[in-house]
N, C-alpha and C. Protein backbone atom coordinates (compact mmCIF):
# COMPACT_ATOMS: atom_id res chain seq x y z
N MET A 1 0.82 -1.19 0.00
CA MET A 1 0.00 0.00 0.00
C MET A 1 0.87 1.25 0.00
N ALA A 2 1.97 1.23 0.73
CA ALA A 2 2.85 2.40 0.76
C ALA A 2 3.48 2.65 -0.60
N LEU A 3 3.74 1.58 -1.33
CA LEU A 3 4.31 1.71 -2.67
C LEU A 3 3.36 2.45 -3.59
N ILE A 4 2.07 2.13 -3.48
CA ILE A 4 1.08 2.79 -4.33
C ILE A 4 1.01 4.27 -4.02
N SER A 5 0.98 4.63 -2.74
CA SER A 5 0.89 6.04 -2.39
C SER A 5 2.15 6.80 -2.80
N ASN A 6 3.32 6.13 -2.74
CA ASN A 6 4.55 6.78 -3.19
C ASN A 6 4.53 7.00 -4.69
N LEU A 7 3.98 6.03 -5.44
CA LEU A 7 3.88 6.19 -6.88
C LEU A 7 2.87 7.27 -7.25
N GLU A 8 1.80 7.38 -6.46
CA GLU A 8 0.79 8.40 -6.74
C GLU A 8 1.36 9.80 -6.59
N ARG A 9 2.31 9.96 -5.73
CA ARG A 9 2.91 11.29 -5.52
C ARG A 9 3.65 11.78 -6.76
N LEU A 10 4.09 10.85 -7.60
CA LEU A 10 4.80 11.23 -8.82
C LEU A 10 3.86 11.78 -9.88
N LEU A 11 2.58 11.40 -9.81
CA LEU A 11 1.59 11.85 -10.78
C LEU A 11 1.03 13.21 -10.39
N PRO A 12 0.59 14.00 -11.36
CA PRO A 12 -0.14 15.21 -11.02
C PRO A 12 -1.43 14.83 -10.29
N ARG A 13 -1.89 15.67 -9.41
CA ARG A 13 -3.04 15.35 -8.56
C ARG A 13 -4.26 14.91 -9.36
N ARG A 14 -4.59 15.58 -10.42
CA ARG A 14 -5.83 15.28 -11.15
C ARG A 14 -5.75 13.96 -11.92
N LYS A 15 -4.55 13.38 -12.06
CA LYS A 15 -4.41 12.11 -12.77
C LYS A 15 -4.19 10.92 -11.83
N ARG A 16 -4.21 11.15 -10.55
CA ARG A 16 -4.04 10.06 -9.60
C ARG A 16 -5.26 9.17 -9.63
N PRO A 17 -5.07 7.85 -9.51
CA PRO A 17 -6.20 6.92 -9.59
C PRO A 17 -7.29 7.19 -8.56
N SER A 18 -6.91 7.52 -7.33
CA SER A 18 -7.93 7.78 -6.31
C SER A 18 -8.75 9.02 -6.64
N VAL A 19 -8.11 10.04 -7.19
CA VAL A 19 -8.82 11.27 -7.55
C VAL A 19 -9.73 11.02 -8.75
N VAL A 20 -9.25 10.25 -9.72
CA VAL A 20 -10.06 9.94 -10.90
C VAL A 20 -11.29 9.13 -10.49
N MET A 21 -11.10 8.14 -9.60
CA MET A 21 -12.24 7.34 -9.13
C MET A 21 -13.25 8.19 -8.37
N ARG A 22 -12.76 9.07 -7.52
CA ARG A 22 -13.66 9.94 -6.75
C ARG A 22 -14.43 10.87 -7.69
N ARG A 23 -13.76 11.41 -8.67
CA ARG A 23 -14.40 12.32 -9.63
C ARG A 23 -15.45 11.57 -10.45
N ASN A 24 -15.11 10.38 -10.95
CA ASN A 24 -16.07 9.59 -11.71
C ASN A 24 -17.26 9.18 -10.86
N ALA A 25 -17.00 8.83 -9.61
CA ALA A 25 -18.09 8.44 -8.72
C ALA A 25 -19.07 9.60 -8.53
N MET A 26 -18.56 10.80 -8.40
CA MET A 26 -19.45 11.96 -8.24
C MET A 26 -20.16 12.30 -9.54
N GLN A 27 -19.42 12.42 -10.64
CA GLN A 27 -20.01 12.88 -11.91
C GLN A 27 -20.92 11.84 -12.54
N LEU A 28 -20.46 10.60 -12.62
CA LEU A 28 -21.22 9.57 -13.32
C LEU A 28 -22.22 8.85 -12.41
N GLY A 29 -21.93 8.82 -11.12
CA GLY A 29 -22.81 8.09 -10.21
C GLY A 29 -23.79 8.97 -9.47
N VAL A 30 -23.30 9.89 -8.67
CA VAL A 30 -24.17 10.73 -7.86
C VAL A 30 -24.98 11.67 -8.74
N PHE A 31 -24.33 12.34 -9.67
CA PHE A 31 -25.02 13.28 -10.54
C PHE A 31 -25.39 12.69 -11.90
N GLY A 32 -25.06 11.42 -12.11
CA GLY A 32 -25.33 10.78 -13.40
C GLY A 32 -26.18 9.53 -13.24
N PRO A 33 -26.36 8.78 -14.33
CA PRO A 33 -27.27 7.63 -14.31
C PRO A 33 -26.63 6.29 -13.95
N SER A 34 -25.31 6.21 -13.82
CA SER A 34 -24.63 4.93 -13.67
C SER A 34 -24.80 4.34 -12.27
N ARG A 35 -25.37 3.14 -12.20
CA ARG A 35 -25.54 2.47 -10.91
C ARG A 35 -24.20 2.00 -10.35
N PHE A 36 -23.32 1.54 -11.23
CA PHE A 36 -22.00 1.09 -10.79
C PHE A 36 -21.26 2.20 -10.06
N TRP A 37 -21.22 3.40 -10.64
CA TRP A 37 -20.49 4.49 -10.02
C TRP A 37 -21.20 5.01 -8.78
N LYS A 38 -22.52 4.79 -8.69
CA LYS A 38 -23.24 5.13 -7.45
C LYS A 38 -22.79 4.22 -6.31
N MET A 39 -22.61 2.94 -6.63
CA MET A 39 -22.12 2.01 -5.61
C MET A 39 -20.68 2.34 -5.21
N VAL A 40 -19.85 2.71 -6.17
CA VAL A 40 -18.48 3.11 -5.86
C VAL A 40 -18.48 4.35 -4.97
N ALA A 41 -19.36 5.32 -5.28
CA ALA A 41 -19.45 6.54 -4.46
C ALA A 41 -19.90 6.20 -3.04
N ALA A 42 -20.89 5.31 -2.92
CA ALA A 42 -21.36 4.90 -1.60
C ALA A 42 -20.25 4.23 -0.80
N ALA A 43 -19.46 3.41 -1.46
CA ALA A 43 -18.35 2.73 -0.78
C ALA A 43 -17.27 3.72 -0.37
N MET A 44 -16.94 4.65 -1.27
CA MET A 44 -15.84 5.59 -0.98
C MET A 44 -16.22 6.59 0.11
N PHE A 45 -17.43 7.14 0.02
CA PHE A 45 -17.82 8.19 0.96
C PHE A 45 -18.51 7.62 2.20
N GLY A 46 -19.09 6.44 2.09
CA GLY A 46 -19.76 5.82 3.23
C GLY A 46 -18.79 5.22 4.23
N ARG A 47 -17.62 4.85 3.77
CA ARG A 47 -16.63 4.24 4.66
C ARG A 47 -16.24 5.18 5.79
N LYS A 48 -16.03 6.45 5.45
CA LYS A 48 -15.65 7.43 6.46
C LYS A 48 -16.78 7.68 7.45
N ALA A 49 -18.01 7.73 6.95
CA ALA A 49 -19.16 7.94 7.82
C ALA A 49 -19.35 6.76 8.77
N LEU A 50 -19.20 5.55 8.25
CA LEU A 50 -19.32 4.37 9.10
C LEU A 50 -18.24 4.33 10.17
N LYS A 51 -17.06 4.76 9.81
CA LYS A 51 -15.96 4.78 10.76
C LYS A 51 -16.24 5.75 11.91
N LYS A 52 -16.86 6.90 11.57
CA LYS A 52 -17.21 7.86 12.61
C LYS A 52 -18.27 7.29 13.54
N VAL A 53 -19.28 6.62 12.98
CA VAL A 53 -20.39 6.10 13.78
C VAL A 53 -19.97 4.90 14.61
N PHE A 54 -19.28 3.95 13.98
CA PHE A 54 -18.93 2.71 14.66
C PHE A 54 -17.47 2.64 15.06
N GLY A 55 -16.83 3.77 15.20
CA GLY A 55 -15.42 3.79 15.57
C GLY A 55 -15.20 3.40 17.02
N ARG A 56 -14.02 3.60 17.48
CA ARG A 56 -13.69 3.25 18.86
C ARG A 56 -14.49 4.12 19.82
N THR A 57 -15.00 3.52 20.86
CA THR A 57 -15.74 4.25 21.88
C THR A 57 -15.01 4.11 23.20
N PRO A 58 -15.06 5.13 24.03
CA PRO A 58 -14.41 5.02 25.33
C PRO A 58 -15.04 3.92 26.18
N GLN A 59 -14.23 3.26 26.99
CA GLN A 59 -14.73 2.19 27.83
C GLN A 59 -14.73 2.63 29.27
N ASN A 60 -15.75 2.24 29.99
CA ASN A 60 -15.90 2.62 31.40
C ASN A 60 -14.97 1.77 32.25
N LEU A 61 -14.18 2.43 33.10
CA LEU A 61 -13.27 1.71 33.99
C LEU A 61 -13.83 1.60 35.39
N GLY A 62 -14.56 2.59 35.83
CA GLY A 62 -15.12 2.54 37.16
C GLY A 62 -15.85 3.80 37.52
N ILE A 63 -16.77 3.67 38.45
CA ILE A 63 -17.53 4.81 38.94
C ILE A 63 -17.33 4.85 40.45
N ARG A 64 -17.02 6.04 40.97
CA ARG A 64 -16.79 6.20 42.40
C ARG A 64 -17.66 7.30 42.97
N THR A 65 -18.12 7.09 44.18
CA THR A 65 -18.85 8.12 44.89
C THR A 65 -17.84 8.98 45.63
N ILE A 66 -18.01 10.29 45.52
CA ILE A 66 -17.11 11.23 46.19
C ILE A 66 -17.92 12.05 47.18
N GLY A 67 -17.40 12.16 48.36
CA GLY A 67 -18.04 13.01 49.37
C GLY A 67 -19.31 12.38 49.91
N VAL A 68 -20.36 13.17 49.99
CA VAL A 68 -21.61 12.77 50.61
C VAL A 68 -22.36 11.73 49.78
N GLY A 69 -22.04 11.61 48.54
CA GLY A 69 -22.70 10.64 47.68
C GLY A 69 -23.45 11.31 46.55
N SER A 70 -23.41 12.62 46.53
CA SER A 70 -24.13 13.32 45.48
C SER A 70 -23.28 13.50 44.22
N MET A 71 -21.96 13.40 44.34
CA MET A 71 -21.08 13.57 43.19
C MET A 71 -20.48 12.24 42.78
N LEU A 72 -20.42 12.01 41.48
CA LEU A 72 -19.80 10.81 40.94
C LEU A 72 -18.71 11.20 39.95
N THR A 73 -17.70 10.41 39.90
CA THR A 73 -16.69 10.59 38.87
C THR A 73 -16.64 9.32 38.03
N VAL A 74 -16.61 9.47 36.74
CA VAL A 74 -16.56 8.33 35.84
C VAL A 74 -15.22 8.38 35.13
N ALA A 75 -14.47 7.32 35.22
CA ALA A 75 -13.16 7.26 34.57
C ALA A 75 -13.28 6.42 33.31
N VAL A 76 -12.85 6.97 32.18
CA VAL A 76 -12.89 6.26 30.91
C VAL A 76 -11.54 6.39 30.23
N PHE A 77 -11.27 5.50 29.31
CA PHE A 77 -10.09 5.65 28.48
C PHE A 77 -10.47 5.30 27.06
N LYS A 78 -9.83 5.96 26.12
CA LYS A 78 -10.09 5.69 24.71
C LYS A 78 -9.20 4.52 24.31
N PRO A 79 -9.79 3.41 23.92
CA PRO A 79 -8.98 2.23 23.62
C PRO A 79 -8.11 2.42 22.39
N MET A 80 -6.96 1.78 22.42
CA MET A 80 -6.05 1.81 21.28
C MET A 80 -6.55 0.82 20.23
N THR A 81 -6.19 1.06 19.00
CA THR A 81 -6.53 0.11 17.95
C THR A 81 -5.65 -1.12 18.10
N ARG A 82 -6.04 -2.19 17.42
CA ARG A 82 -5.26 -3.42 17.48
C ARG A 82 -3.84 -3.18 16.97
N LYS A 83 -3.73 -2.34 15.94
CA LYS A 83 -2.41 -2.03 15.37
C LYS A 83 -1.54 -1.28 16.38
N GLU A 84 -2.14 -0.31 17.10
CA GLU A 84 -1.38 0.44 18.11
C GLU A 84 -0.93 -0.47 19.25
N ARG A 85 -1.84 -1.36 19.70
CA ARG A 85 -1.47 -2.28 20.78
C ARG A 85 -0.36 -3.23 20.33
N LYS A 86 -0.44 -3.72 19.10
CA LYS A 86 0.58 -4.64 18.59
C LYS A 86 1.92 -3.94 18.49
N ARG A 87 1.90 -2.68 18.03
CA ARG A 87 3.14 -1.91 17.89
C ARG A 87 3.80 -1.70 19.24
N ARG A 88 2.98 -1.47 20.28
CA ARG A 88 3.53 -1.23 21.63
C ARG A 88 3.73 -2.50 22.43
N GLY A 89 3.22 -3.62 21.94
CA GLY A 89 3.36 -4.89 22.65
C GLY A 89 2.48 -4.99 23.87
N ILE A 90 1.28 -4.44 23.80
CA ILE A 90 0.37 -4.41 24.94
C ILE A 90 -0.89 -5.18 24.57
N THR A 91 -1.40 -5.99 25.50
CA THR A 91 -2.68 -6.65 25.29
C THR A 91 -3.79 -5.77 25.85
N LEU A 92 -5.02 -6.02 25.42
CA LEU A 92 -6.15 -5.22 25.87
C LEU A 92 -6.36 -5.36 27.37
N SER A 93 -6.22 -6.57 27.89
CA SER A 93 -6.40 -6.78 29.34
C SER A 93 -5.32 -6.07 30.14
N ALA A 94 -4.09 -6.03 29.62
CA ALA A 94 -3.00 -5.33 30.31
C ALA A 94 -3.26 -3.83 30.32
N ALA A 95 -3.72 -3.28 29.22
CA ALA A 95 -4.03 -1.85 29.15
C ALA A 95 -5.15 -1.50 30.11
N ARG A 96 -6.17 -2.36 30.17
CA ARG A 96 -7.30 -2.12 31.06
C ARG A 96 -6.88 -2.20 32.53
N SER A 97 -6.04 -3.17 32.86
CA SER A 97 -5.60 -3.31 34.26
C SER A 97 -4.67 -2.15 34.66
N ASP A 98 -3.82 -1.67 33.73
CA ASP A 98 -2.97 -0.52 34.04
C ASP A 98 -3.80 0.73 34.30
N ALA A 99 -4.83 0.93 33.49
CA ALA A 99 -5.69 2.10 33.68
C ALA A 99 -6.46 2.00 35.00
N ALA A 100 -6.92 0.80 35.35
CA ALA A 100 -7.63 0.61 36.61
C ALA A 100 -6.69 0.83 37.79
N ALA A 101 -5.44 0.41 37.66
CA ALA A 101 -4.46 0.63 38.74
C ALA A 101 -4.18 2.11 38.93
N GLU A 102 -4.11 2.86 37.83
CA GLU A 102 -3.92 4.31 37.95
C GLU A 102 -5.11 4.96 38.64
N LEU A 103 -6.31 4.48 38.34
CA LEU A 103 -7.51 5.01 38.97
C LEU A 103 -7.50 4.75 40.47
N GLU A 104 -7.09 3.57 40.88
CA GLU A 104 -7.04 3.23 42.29
C GLU A 104 -5.94 4.00 43.03
N ALA A 105 -4.90 4.43 42.31
CA ALA A 105 -3.81 5.16 42.95
C ALA A 105 -4.21 6.58 43.32
N VAL A 106 -5.25 7.12 42.70
CA VAL A 106 -5.71 8.48 42.99
C VAL A 106 -6.40 8.46 44.35
N PRO A 107 -6.00 9.37 45.26
CA PRO A 107 -6.62 9.38 46.60
C PRO A 107 -8.10 9.78 46.52
N ARG A 108 -8.90 9.13 47.34
CA ARG A 108 -10.33 9.40 47.39
C ARG A 108 -10.62 10.54 48.36
N ALA A 109 -11.60 11.36 47.99
CA ALA A 109 -12.04 12.43 48.90
C ALA A 109 -12.97 11.85 49.94
N SER A 110 -12.94 12.42 51.16
CA SER A 110 -13.82 11.89 52.19
C SER A 110 -14.80 12.92 52.67
C-alpha cells in the first residue's frame, strides 16, 4: 500500500487513480445515471461515515462516589486500535488493568 501512495505522488493530482475514481463516482454516479459508479461513491464516501459512527468508543473503567454521595466521577479511556497495541506490545487486558491501577492510585475524597 505504501508503494502505491509513493507512486501516486509522482503523478499530477488530477491524474491520480484515487482522484479519478472519486471524480467519476461523483459525476457519473451521484449526478449521473450509472448504478455502478453510485455504488463506488457509496463505498468511498460511506466508509468514512461508518468509521465515525462505529469507531472506537471510550470504555468505562469505574464509577466512584465522592463526598456525601451526590457527586460521581466516571473514569474512561479511549482504547487503542489493534495495530497500536501490537506496535507497543500491549494486550487489551493489560491496558485495562494498568488504567484501573492508575484510577485506584488516585486518593479518594472523604
